[in-house]
């Protein structure tokens, strides 16, 4: 069809004008919505990148304070996000950055790293979350029992309190009954905790984490999963 000199029927001009205005409004709304979505995506990506860099720098700083002669060792992994879907999460569940730490309660470097993690959680509240997963390599010093104790505390919603208590406990765990440790960590239902300590399902959770760590080639603690990289300090 081409333009012609034939008389134009203007009887529906008003409706046509209304339709054009509606279409223009719809287009403008669509453009605005698209702009907002694009802006939010870019902001989230930027926030994620900045926060990841902050996490890496904090680990570097921890590494320097520990007087370790070697630097960070990083290794590419596949589908890093899936490793943050299990374990104990501390921080905002909707945070754009989720860092996974494989740790051991009897590892002194894990204790030092935890101070850096605490600082990051406060400084980047809502932007970063940490997921703790077990890798108790110091078996003879009670690391496995400590991991089980934290799992049992988690079943009562007290993982974080038990986690901090165990990391900061300087003596041998077997100096006190585990029920005493639980009470000192603020646990209320001590009978349920004691029953859980002998429950095979609690140990199964530890073995699951150990299996995942071994599949990733992790050999030491703390080791972090950040994005699609594993970072060992």
C-alpha atoms as a PDB file:
ATOM      1  CA  UNK A   1       0.000   0.000   0.000  1.00  0.00           C
ATOM      2  CA  UNK A   2       1.226   3.531  -0.884  1.00  0.00           C
ATOM      3  CA  UNK A   3       0.190   7.111  -0.091  1.00  0.00           C
ATOM      4  CA  UNK A   4      -2.607   8.475  -2.343  1.00  0.00           C
ATOM      5  CA  UNK A   5      -4.428  11.690  -3.069  1.00  0.00           C
ATOM      6  CA  UNK A   6      -7.782  10.124  -2.296  1.00  0.00           C
ATOM      7  CA  UNK A   7      -9.942  11.930   0.333  1.00  0.00           C
ATOM      8  CA  UNK A   8      -9.163  10.744   3.846  1.00  0.00           C
ATOM      9  CA  UNK A   9     -11.911   9.576   6.181  1.00  0.00           C
ATOM     10  CA  UNK A  10     -11.426  11.562   9.383  1.00  0.00           C
ATOM     11  CA  UNK A  11     -14.444  10.223  11.207  1.00  0.00           C
ATOM     12  CA  UNK A  12     -12.239   8.141  13.523  1.00  0.00           C
ATOM     13  CA  UNK A  13      -9.500  10.732  14.052  1.00  0.00           C
ATOM     14  CA  UNK A  14     -10.424  11.224  17.679  1.00  0.00           C
ATOM     15  CA  UNK A  15     -10.272   7.493  18.406  1.00  0.00           C
ATOM     16  CA  UNK A  16      -7.056   7.205  16.452  1.00  0.00           C
ATOM     17  CA  UNK A  17      -5.512  10.065  18.416  1.00  0.00           C
ATOM     18  CA  UNK A  18      -6.544   8.423  21.664  1.00  0.00           C
ATOM     19  CA  UNK A  19      -5.049   5.146  20.536  1.00  0.00           C
ATOM     20  CA  UNK A  20      -1.777   6.830  19.617  1.00  0.00           C
ATOM     21  CA  UNK A  21      -1.618   8.594  22.970  1.00  0.00           C
ATOM     22  CA  UNK A  22      -2.305   5.333  24.797  1.00  0.00           C
ATOM     23  CA  UNK A  23       0.350   3.582  22.766  1.00  0.00           C
ATOM     24  CA  UNK A  24       2.808   6.386  23.483  1.00  0.00           C
ATOM     25  CA  UNK A  25       2.013   6.186  27.215  1.00  0.00           C
ATOM     26  CA  UNK A  26       2.398   2.396  27.171  1.00  0.00           C
ATOM     27  CA  UNK A  27       5.726   2.742  25.366  1.00  0.00           C
ATOM     28  CA  UNK A  28       6.941   5.331  27.865  1.00  0.00           C
ATOM     29  CA  UNK A  29       5.891   3.123  30.777  1.00  0.00           C
ATOM     30  CA  UNK A  30       7.645   0.150  29.177  1.00  0.00           C
ATOM     31  CA  UNK A  31      10.798   2.205  28.631  1.00  0.00           C
ATOM     32  CA  UNK A  32      10.716   3.453  32.238  1.00  0.00           C
ATOM     33  CA  UNK A  33      10.213  -0.047  33.608  1.00  0.00           C
ATOM     34  CA  UNK A  34      13.006  -1.390  31.439  1.00  0.00           C
ATOM     35  CA  UNK A  35      15.287   1.423  32.580  1.00  0.00           C
ATOM     36  CA  UNK A  36      14.532   0.664  36.226  1.00  0.00           C
ATOM     37  CA  UNK A  37      15.145  -3.056  35.755  1.00  0.00           C
ATOM     38  CA  UNK A  38      18.390  -2.398  33.876  1.00  0.00           C
ATOM     39  CA  UNK A  39      19.499   0.078  36.540  1.00  0.00           C
ATOM     40  CA  UNK A  40      18.729  -2.384  39.339  1.00  0.00           C
ATOM     41  CA  UNK A  41      20.632  -5.162  37.561  1.00  0.00           C
ATOM     42  CA  UNK A  42      23.645  -2.905  37.013  1.00  0.00           C
ATOM     43  CA  UNK A  43      23.555  -1.721  40.632  1.00  0.00           C
ATOM     44  CA  UNK A  44      23.382  -5.305  41.900  1.00  0.00           C
ATOM     45  CA  UNK A  45      26.249  -6.379  39.653  1.00  0.00           C
ATOM     46  CA  UNK A  46      28.331  -3.376  40.700  1.00  0.00           C
ATOM     47  CA  UNK A  47      27.575  -4.020  44.355  1.00  0.00           C
ATOM     48  CA  UNK A  48      28.494  -7.670  43.932  1.00  0.00           C
ATOM     49  CA  UNK A  49      31.810  -6.843  42.279  1.00  0.00           C
ATOM     50  CA  UNK A  50      32.730  -4.233  44.907  1.00  0.00           C
ATOM     51  CA  UNK A  51      31.776  -6.569  47.745  1.00  0.00           C
ATOM     52  CA  UNK A  52      33.716  -9.496  46.302  1.00  0.00           C
ATOM     53  CA  UNK A  53      36.769  -7.249  46.029  1.00  0.00           C
ATOM     54  CA  UNK A  54      36.238  -6.196  49.652  1.00  0.00           C
ATOM     55  CA  UNK A  55      36.059  -9.833  50.739  1.00  0.00           C
ATOM     56  CA  UNK A  56      39.252 -10.680  48.861  1.00  0.00           C
ATOM     57  CA  UNK A  57      41.045  -7.644  50.324  1.00  0.00           C
ATOM     58  CA  UNK A  58      39.892  -8.621  53.825  1.00  0.00           C
ATOM     59  CA  UNK A  59      41.289 -12.121  53.321  1.00  0.00           C
ATOM     60  CA  UNK A  60      44.547 -10.593  52.079  1.00  0.00           C
ATOM     61  CA  UNK A  61      44.686  -8.390  55.166  1.00  0.00           C
ATOM     62  CA  UNK A  62      44.019 -11.392  57.390  1.00  0.00           C
ATOM     63  CA  UNK A  63      46.770 -13.240  55.550  1.00  0.00           C
ATOM     64  CA  UNK A  64      49.220 -10.401  56.214  1.00  0.00           C
ATOM     65  CA  UNK A  65      48.305 -10.183  59.904  1.00  0.00           C
ATOM     66  CA  UNK A  66      48.874 -13.908  60.233  1.00  0.00           C
ATOM     67  CA  UNK A  67      52.490 -13.396  59.054  1.00  0.00           C
ATOM     68  CA  UNK A  68      52.086 -16.044  56.390  1.00  0.00           C
ATOM     69  CA  UNK A  69      54.761 -15.889  53.720  1.00  0.00           C
ATOM     70  CA  UNK A  70      52.589 -17.186  50.871  1.00  0.00           C
ATOM     71  CA  UNK A  71      49.808 -15.246  49.192  1.00  0.00           C
ATOM     72  CA  UNK A  72      46.296 -16.211  48.273  1.00  0.00           C
ATOM     73  CA  UNK A  73      45.816 -19.291  46.164  1.00  0.00           C
ATOM     74  CA  UNK A  74      42.828 -19.113  43.844  1.00  0.00           C
ATOM     75  CA  UNK A  75      41.406 -21.798  41.626  1.00  0.00           C
ATOM     76  CA  UNK A  76      38.512 -21.691  39.186  1.00  0.00           C
ATOM     77  CA  UNK A  77      35.531 -23.927  39.933  1.00  0.00           C
ATOM     78  CA  UNK A  78      32.265 -24.549  38.124  1.00  0.00           C
ATOM     79  CA  UNK A  79      28.834 -23.437  39.334  1.00  0.00           C
ATOM     80  CA  UNK A  80      30.161 -21.828  42.498  1.00  0.00           C
ATOM     81  CA  UNK A  81      26.716 -20.608  43.535  1.00  0.00           C
ATOM     82  CA  UNK A  82      25.458 -24.132  44.269  1.00  0.00           C
ATOM     83  CA  UNK A  83      27.883 -24.505  47.178  1.00  0.00           C
ATOM     84  CA  UNK A  84      26.087 -21.751  49.072  1.00  0.00           C
ATOM     85  CA  UNK A  85      22.747 -23.558  49.002  1.00  0.00           C
ATOM     86  CA  UNK A  86      23.713 -25.822  51.931  1.00  0.00           C
ATOM     87  CA  UNK A  87      25.325 -24.971  55.225  1.00  0.00           C
ATOM     88  CA  UNK A  88      24.631 -22.305  57.812  1.00  0.00           C
ATOM     89  CA  UNK A  89      23.987 -18.835  56.445  1.00  0.00           C
ATOM     90  CA  UNK A  90      24.788 -15.692  58.409  1.00  0.00           C
ATOM     91  CA  UNK A  91      23.602 -12.395  56.963  1.00  0.00           C
ATOM     92  CA  UNK A  92      20.866 -11.319  54.578  1.00  0.00           C
ATOM     93  CA  UNK A  93      19.463 -14.217  52.546  1.00  0.00           C
ATOM     94  CA  UNK A  94      18.922 -11.827  49.598  1.00  0.00           C
ATOM     95  CA  UNK A  95      22.471 -10.421  49.625  1.00  0.00           C
ATOM     96  CA  UNK A  96      23.933 -10.218  46.093  1.00  0.00           C
ATOM     97  CA  UNK A  97      27.196 -11.788  47.288  1.00  0.00           C
ATOM     98  CA  UNK A  98      27.284 -15.106  49.113  1.00  0.00           C
ATOM     99  CA  UNK A  99      30.668 -16.347  50.348  1.00  0.00           C
ATOM    100  CA  UNK A 100      31.120 -19.953  51.457  1.00  0.00           C
ATOM    101  CA  UNK A 101      33.756 -20.863  54.025  1.00  0.00           C
ATOM    102  CA  UNK A 102      34.949 -24.400  54.673  1.00  0.00           C
ATOM    103  CA  UNK A 103      36.327 -24.275  58.181  1.00  0.00           C
ATOM    104  CA  UNK A 104      37.549 -26.248  61.169  1.00  0.00           C
ATOM    105  CA  UNK A 105      36.796 -25.223  64.767  1.00  0.00           C
ATOM    106  CA  UNK A 106      40.300 -26.152  65.905  1.00  0.00           C
ATOM    107  CA  UNK A 107      42.000 -24.220  63.109  1.00  0.00           C
ATOM    108  CA  UNK A 108      43.606 -21.029  64.529  1.00  0.00           C
ATOM    109  CA  UNK A 109      43.492 -19.358  61.121  1.00  0.00           C
ATOM    110  CA  UNK A 110      39.734 -19.917  60.959  1.00  0.00           C
ATOM    111  CA  UNK A 111      39.458 -18.146  64.305  1.00  0.00           C
ATOM    112  CA  UNK A 112      41.404 -15.160  62.981  1.00  0.00           C
ATOM    113  CA  UNK A 113      39.482 -15.099  59.708  1.00  0.00           C
ATOM    114  CA  UNK A 114      36.213 -14.984  61.616  1.00  0.00           C
ATOM    115  CA  UNK A 115      37.088 -11.524  62.933  1.00  0.00           C
ATOM    116  CA  UNK A 116      37.462 -10.280  59.340  1.00  0.00           C
ATOM    117  CA  UNK A 117      34.168 -11.953  58.409  1.00  0.00           C
ATOM    118  CA  UNK A 118      32.389 -10.225  61.284  1.00  0.00           C
ATOM    119  CA  UNK A 119      33.717  -6.852  60.106  1.00  0.00           C
ATOM    120  CA  UNK A 120      32.546  -7.516  56.537  1.00  0.00           C
ATOM    121  CA  UNK A 121      29.074  -8.532  57.690  1.00  0.00           C
ATOM    122  CA  UNK A 122      28.707  -5.255  59.584  1.00  0.00           C
ATOM    123  CA  UNK A 123      30.239  -3.044  56.907  1.00  0.00           C
ATOM    124  CA  UNK A 124      28.329  -4.611  54.016  1.00  0.00           C
ATOM    125  CA  UNK A 125      25.092  -5.390  55.793  1.00  0.00           C
ATOM    126  CA  UNK A 126      22.560  -6.580  53.226  1.00  0.00           C
ATOM    127  CA  UNK A 127      25.191  -6.877  50.506  1.00  0.00           C
ATOM    128  CA  UNK A 128      27.152  -9.923  51.630  1.00  0.00           C
ATOM    129  CA  UNK A 129      26.273 -13.133  53.452  1.00  0.00           C
ATOM    130  CA  UNK A 130      28.497 -15.970  54.604  1.00  0.00           C
ATOM    131  CA  UNK A 131      27.710 -19.664  54.514  1.00  0.00           C
ATOM    132  CA  UNK A 132      29.650 -21.874  56.910  1.00  0.00           C
ATOM    133  CA  UNK A 133      30.409 -25.448  55.897  1.00  0.00           C
ATOM    134  CA  UNK A 134      32.358 -28.009  57.883  1.00  0.00           C
ATOM    135  CA  UNK A 135      35.761 -29.437  57.057  1.00  0.00           C
ATOM    136  CA  UNK A 136      37.120 -30.752  60.398  1.00  0.00           C
ATOM    137  CA  UNK A 137      40.670 -31.794  59.558  1.00  0.00           C
ATOM    138  CA  UNK A 138      41.930 -31.661  63.176  1.00  0.00           C
ATOM    139  CA  UNK A 139      40.089 -34.815  64.176  1.00  0.00           C
ATOM    140  CA  UNK A 140      42.167 -35.631  67.250  1.00  0.00           C
ATOM    141  CA  UNK A 141      41.458 -32.283  68.918  1.00  0.00           C
ATOM    142  CA  UNK A 142      37.687 -32.653  68.998  1.00  0.00           C
ATOM    143  CA  UNK A 143      36.960 -30.801  65.753  1.00  0.00           C
ATOM    144  CA  UNK A 144      34.396 -33.349  64.608  1.00  0.00           C
ATOM    145  CA  UNK A 145      32.487 -33.283  67.910  1.00  0.00           C
ATOM    146  CA  UNK A 146      32.568 -29.484  67.779  1.00  0.00           C
ATOM    147  CA  UNK A 147      31.114 -29.540  64.280  1.00  0.00           C
ATOM    148  CA  UNK A 148      28.348 -31.877  65.459  1.00  0.00           C
ATOM    149  CA  UNK A 149      27.664 -29.587  68.418  1.00  0.00           C
ATOM    150  CA  UNK A 150      27.215 -26.616  66.094  1.00  0.00           C
ATOM    151  CA  UNK A 151      24.857 -28.649  63.903  1.00  0.00           C
ATOM    152  CA  UNK A 152      22.798 -29.575  66.955  1.00  0.00           C
ATOM    153  CA  UNK A 153      22.727 -25.938  68.026  1.00  0.00           C
ATOM    154  CA  UNK A 154      21.575 -25.028  64.539  1.00  0.00           C
ATOM    155  CA  UNK A 155      18.566 -27.271  64.919  1.00  0.00           C
ATOM    156  CA  UNK A 156      17.463 -24.991  67.739  1.00  0.00           C
ATOM    157  CA  UNK A 157      18.287 -21.826  65.799  1.00  0.00           C
ATOM    158  CA  UNK A 158      21.485 -21.196  67.779  1.00  0.00           C
ATOM    159  CA  UNK A 159      24.185 -22.075  65.261  1.00  0.00           C
ATOM    160  CA  UNK A 160      25.804 -18.637  65.239  1.00  0.00           C
ATOM    161  CA  UNK A 161      26.059 -18.435  69.039  1.00  0.00           C
ATOM    162  CA  UNK A 162      27.576 -21.906  69.305  1.00  0.00           C
ATOM    163  CA  UNK A 163      29.840 -21.169  66.331  1.00  0.00           C
ATOM    164  CA  UNK A 164      31.325 -18.096  68.000  1.00  0.00           C
ATOM    165  CA  UNK A 165      31.599 -19.852  71.350  1.00  0.00           C
ATOM    166  CA  UNK A 166      33.501 -22.810  69.884  1.00  0.00           C
ATOM    167  CA  UNK A 167      35.853 -20.651  67.824  1.00  0.00           C
ATOM    168  CA  UNK A 168      36.748 -18.537  70.843  1.00  0.00           C
ATOM    169  CA  UNK A 169      37.088 -21.441  73.285  1.00  0.00           C
ATOM    170  CA  UNK A 170      40.813 -21.690  73.987  1.00  0.00           C
ATOM    171  CA  UNK A 171      40.909 -24.913  75.992  1.00  0.00           C
ATOM    172  CA  UNK A 172      40.388 -28.516  75.011  1.00  0.00           C
ATOM    173  CA  UNK A 173      36.747 -29.258  74.314  1.00  0.00           C
ATOM    174  CA  UNK A 174      36.845 -32.439  76.379  1.00  0.00           C
ATOM    175  CA  UNK A 175      37.637 -30.444  79.523  1.00  0.00           C
ATOM    176  CA  UNK A 176      33.885 -29.988  79.943  1.00  0.00           C
ATOM    177  CA  UNK A 177      30.849 -32.127  79.020  1.00  0.00           C
ATOM    178  CA  UNK A 178      29.209 -31.010  75.795  1.00  0.00           C
ATOM    179  CA  UNK A 179      26.056 -30.211  77.710  1.00  0.00           C
ATOM    180  CA  UNK A 180      28.073 -27.655  79.712  1.00  0.00           C
ATOM    181  CA  UNK A 181      29.414 -26.127  76.498  1.00  0.00           C
ATOM    182  CA  UNK A 182      25.853 -25.913  75.211  1.00  0.00           C
ATOM    183  CA  UNK A 183      24.661 -24.138  78.352  1.00  0.00           C
ATOM    184  CA  UNK A 184      27.585 -21.708  78.174  1.00  0.00           C
ATOM    185  CA  UNK A 185      26.681 -20.953  74.558  1.00  0.00           C
ATOM    186  CA  UNK A 186      23.129 -20.056  75.592  1.00  0.00           C
ATOM    187  CA  UNK A 187      21.298 -23.218  74.582  1.00  0.00           C
ATOM    188  CA  UNK A 188      17.954 -23.718  76.299  1.00  0.00           C
ATOM    189  CA  UNK A 189      16.839 -27.243  75.455  1.00  0.00           C
ATOM    190  CA  UNK A 190      19.848 -29.164  76.742  1.00  0.00           C
ATOM    191  CA  UNK A 191      18.086 -32.526  76.642  1.00  0.00           C
ATOM    192  CA  UNK A 192      17.373 -32.147  72.922  1.00  0.00           C
ATOM    193  CA  UNK A 193      20.955 -31.018  72.370  1.00  0.00           C
ATOM    194  CA  UNK A 194      22.360 -34.044  74.184  1.00  0.00           C
ATOM    195  CA  UNK A 195      20.144 -36.399  72.183  1.00  0.00           C
ATOM    196  CA  UNK A 196      21.238 -34.735  68.962  1.00  0.00           C
ATOM    197  CA  UNK A 197      24.927 -35.215  69.776  1.00  0.00           C
ATOM    198  CA  UNK A 198      24.453 -38.984  69.389  1.00  0.00           C
ATOM    199  CA  UNK A 199      22.103 -38.683  66.399  1.00  0.00           C
ATOM    200  CA  UNK A 200      23.689 -40.033  63.215  1.00  0.00           C
ATOM    201  CA  UNK A 201      21.905 -37.437  61.077  1.00  0.00           C
ATOM    202  CA  UNK A 202      23.965 -34.658  62.655  1.00  0.00           C
ATOM    203  CA  UNK A 203      27.194 -36.417  61.715  1.00  0.00           C
ATOM    204  CA  UNK A 204      25.805 -37.085  58.246  1.00  0.00           C
ATOM    205  CA  UNK A 205      25.587 -33.324  57.711  1.00  0.00           C
ATOM    206  CA  UNK A 206      29.297 -33.044  58.565  1.00  0.00           C
ATOM    207  CA  UNK A 207      30.199 -35.883  56.195  1.00  0.00           C
ATOM    208  CA  UNK A 208      28.212 -34.203  53.410  1.00  0.00           C
ATOM    209  CA  UNK A 209      30.285 -31.044  53.769  1.00  0.00           C
ATOM    210  CA  UNK A 210      33.533 -33.014  53.935  1.00  0.00           C
ATOM    211  CA  UNK A 211      32.576 -34.870  50.765  1.00  0.00           C
ATOM    212  CA  UNK A 212      31.886 -31.596  48.953  1.00  0.00           C
ATOM    213  CA  UNK A 213      35.177 -30.100  50.146  1.00  0.00           C
ATOM    214  CA  UNK A 214      37.097 -33.135  48.928  1.00  0.00           C
ATOM    215  CA  UNK A 215      35.343 -33.032  45.553  1.00  0.00           C
ATOM    216  CA  UNK A 216      36.598 -29.447  45.189  1.00  0.00           C
ATOM    217  CA  UNK A 217      40.127 -30.482  46.016  1.00  0.00           C
ATOM    218  CA  UNK A 218      40.142 -28.524  49.276  1.00  0.00           C
ATOM    219  CA  UNK A 219      42.985 -29.570  51.535  1.00  0.00           C
ATOM    220  CA  UNK A 220      43.194 -26.849  54.188  1.00  0.00           C
ATOM    221  CA  UNK A 221      41.126 -24.367  56.160  1.00  0.00           C
ATOM    222  CA  UNK A 222      39.925 -21.752  55.848  1.00  0.00           C
ATOM    223  CA  UNK A 223      39.035 -22.064  52.172  1.00  0.00           C
ATOM    224  CA  UNK A 224      36.477 -19.710  50.670  1.00  0.00           C
ATOM    225  CA  UNK A 225      34.207 -20.045  47.658  1.00  0.00           C
ATOM    226  CA  UNK A 226      33.626 -16.632  46.096  1.00  0.00           C
ATOM    227  CA  UNK A 227      31.711 -16.712  42.843  1.00  0.00           C
ATOM    228  CA  UNK A 228      33.329 -19.345  40.640  1.00  0.00           C
ATOM    229  CA  UNK A 229      36.638 -19.337  42.497  1.00  0.00           C
ATOM    230  CA  UNK A 230      37.978 -21.102  45.546  1.00  0.00           C
ATOM    231  CA  UNK A 231      40.331 -18.937  47.608  1.00  0.00           C
ATOM    232  CA  UNK A 232      42.762 -20.353  50.110  1.00  0.00           C
ATOM    233  CA  UNK A 233      44.665 -18.008  52.374  1.00  0.00           C
END
